[in-house]
C-alpha atoms as a PDB file:
ATOM      1  CA  MET A   1     107.872 206.385 197.150  1.00  0.00           C
ATOM      2  CA  ASN A   2     105.916 208.234 199.801  1.00  0.00           C
ATOM      3  CA  GLY A   3     104.728 210.901 197.353  1.00  0.00           C
ATOM      4  CA  ILE A   4     103.184 208.503 194.836  1.00  0.00           C
ATOM      5  CA  GLY A   5     100.335 207.222 197.027  1.00  0.00           C
ATOM      6  CA  ARG A   6      98.140 210.318 196.969  1.00  0.00           C
ATOM      7  CA  PRO A   7      98.186 210.764 193.159  1.00  0.00           C
ATOM      8  CA  LEU A   8      97.350 207.069 192.728  1.00  0.00           C
ATOM      9  CA  ILE A   9      94.382 207.380 195.074  1.00  0.00           C
ATOM     10  CA  ILE A  10      93.137 210.483 193.249  1.00  0.00           C
ATOM     11  CA  MET A  11      93.503 208.797 189.856  1.00  0.00           C
ATOM     12  CA  GLY A  12      91.638 205.764 191.198  1.00  0.00           C
ATOM     13  CA  LEU A  13      88.770 207.929 192.435  1.00  0.00           C
ATOM     14  CA  ILE A  14      88.603 209.680 189.072  1.00  0.00           C
ATOM     15  CA  LEU A  15      88.442 206.313 187.297  1.00  0.00           C
ATOM     16  CA  VAL A  16      85.692 205.103 189.627  1.00  0.00           C
ATOM     17  CA  ALA A  17      83.717 208.314 189.043  1.00  0.00           C
ATOM     18  CA  ALA A  18      84.154 207.958 185.278  1.00  0.00           C
ATOM     19  CA  GLY A  19      82.945 204.350 185.470  1.00  0.00           C
ATOM     20  CA  VAL A  20      79.857 205.341 187.433  1.00  0.00           C
ATOM     21  CA  ILE A  21      79.078 208.138 184.967  1.00  0.00           C
ATOM     22  CA  ILE A  22      79.483 205.812 181.978  1.00  0.00           C
ATOM     23  CA  SER A  23      77.332 203.151 183.632  1.00  0.00           C
ATOM     24  CA  PHE A  24      74.489 205.553 184.354  1.00  0.00           C
ATOM     25  CA  SER A  25      74.777 207.713 181.216  1.00  0.00           C
ATOM     26  CA  PRO A  26      71.877 206.000 179.380  1.00  0.00           C
ATOM     27  CA  ARG A  27      69.644 206.974 182.302  1.00  0.00           C
ATOM     28  CA  ILE A  28      70.577 210.663 182.017  1.00  0.00           C
ATOM     29  CA  PRO A  29      68.102 211.895 179.397  1.00  0.00           C
ATOM     30  CA  TRP A  30      69.784 215.207 178.538  1.00  0.00           C
ATOM     31  CA  LEU A  31      73.298 213.798 178.055  1.00  0.00           C
ATOM     32  CA  GLY A  32      74.128 214.179 174.370  1.00  0.00           C
ATOM     33  CA  ARG A  33      70.828 215.878 173.554  1.00  0.00           C
ATOM     34  CA  LEU A  34      71.475 219.472 174.560  1.00  0.00           C
ATOM     35  CA  PRO A  35      70.818 222.399 172.221  1.00  0.00           C
ATOM     36  CA  GLY A  36      73.953 222.797 170.126  1.00  0.00           C
ATOM     37  CA  ASP A  37      74.717 219.089 169.934  1.00  0.00           C
ATOM     38  CA  ILE A  38      75.107 218.017 166.312  1.00  0.00           C
ATOM     39  CA  TYR A  39      73.204 214.964 165.085  1.00  0.00           C
ATOM     40  CA  ILE A  40      72.855 214.163 161.391  1.00  0.00           C
ATOM     41  CA  ARG A  41      70.853 211.180 160.165  1.00  0.00           C
ATOM     42  CA  LYS A  42      70.836 210.161 156.508  1.00  0.00           C
ATOM     43  CA  ALA A  43      69.580 207.093 154.734  1.00  0.00           C
ATOM     44  CA  HIS A  44      72.706 204.950 155.208  1.00  0.00           C
ATOM     45  CA  TYR A  45      74.562 206.565 158.099  1.00  0.00           C
ATOM     46  CA  SER A  46      74.234 208.776 161.120  1.00  0.00           C
ATOM     47  CA  PHE A  47      76.699 211.191 162.698  1.00  0.00           C
ATOM     48  CA  SER A  48      76.583 212.458 166.244  1.00  0.00           C
ATOM     49  CA  PHE A  49      78.863 215.050 167.843  1.00  0.00           C
ATOM     50  CA  PRO A  50      77.710 216.297 171.274  1.00  0.00           C
ATOM     51  CA  LEU A  51      79.428 219.686 171.104  1.00  0.00           C
ATOM     52  CA  THR A  52      77.505 221.429 173.883  1.00  0.00           C
ATOM     53  CA  THR A  53      77.699 218.377 176.132  1.00  0.00           C
ATOM     54  CA  CYS A  54      81.497 218.263 175.666  1.00  0.00           C
ATOM     55  CA  ILE A  55      81.847 221.960 176.510  1.00  0.00           C
ATOM     56  CA  LEU A  56      79.637 221.578 179.601  1.00  0.00           C
ATOM     57  CA  LEU A  57      81.558 218.533 180.867  1.00  0.00           C
ATOM     58  CA  SER A  58      84.862 220.309 180.227  1.00  0.00           C
ATOM     59  CA  ALA A  59      83.745 223.310 182.262  1.00  0.00           C
ATOM     60  CA  ILE A  60      82.553 221.103 185.127  1.00  0.00           C
ATOM     61  CA  LEU A  61      85.778 219.064 185.173  1.00  0.00           C
ATOM     62  CA  SER A  62      87.909 222.232 184.980  1.00  0.00           C
ATOM     63  CA  PHE A  63      86.063 223.646 187.978  1.00  0.00           C
ATOM     64  CA  ILE A  64      86.512 220.408 189.967  1.00  0.00           C
ATOM     65  CA  PHE A  65      90.244 220.249 189.196  1.00  0.00           C
ATOM     66  CA  TRP A  66      90.575 223.947 190.082  1.00  0.00           C
ATOM     67  CA  LEU A  67      88.974 223.226 193.468  1.00  0.00           C
ATOM     68  CA  LEU A  68      91.319 220.278 194.053  1.00  0.00           C
ATOM     69  CA  ARG A  69      94.389 222.408 193.313  1.00  0.00           C
ATOM     70  CA  ARG A  70      93.439 225.045 195.888  1.00  0.00           C
END
């Protein structure tokens, strides 16, 4: 059981960071509005797919996890 403590702490910190990001995301003006993000608005529906934002967040998270593995 000694080896399970560190992964649980790391997962908890990741969840806390995700919660903070989600809480403050409306205050980040560029999140979801980068060039390359797809937003379609018609008369009866709207569709939003933040493609560039997803790619940017994926690259940032990949870099962070790469640093943690070293």
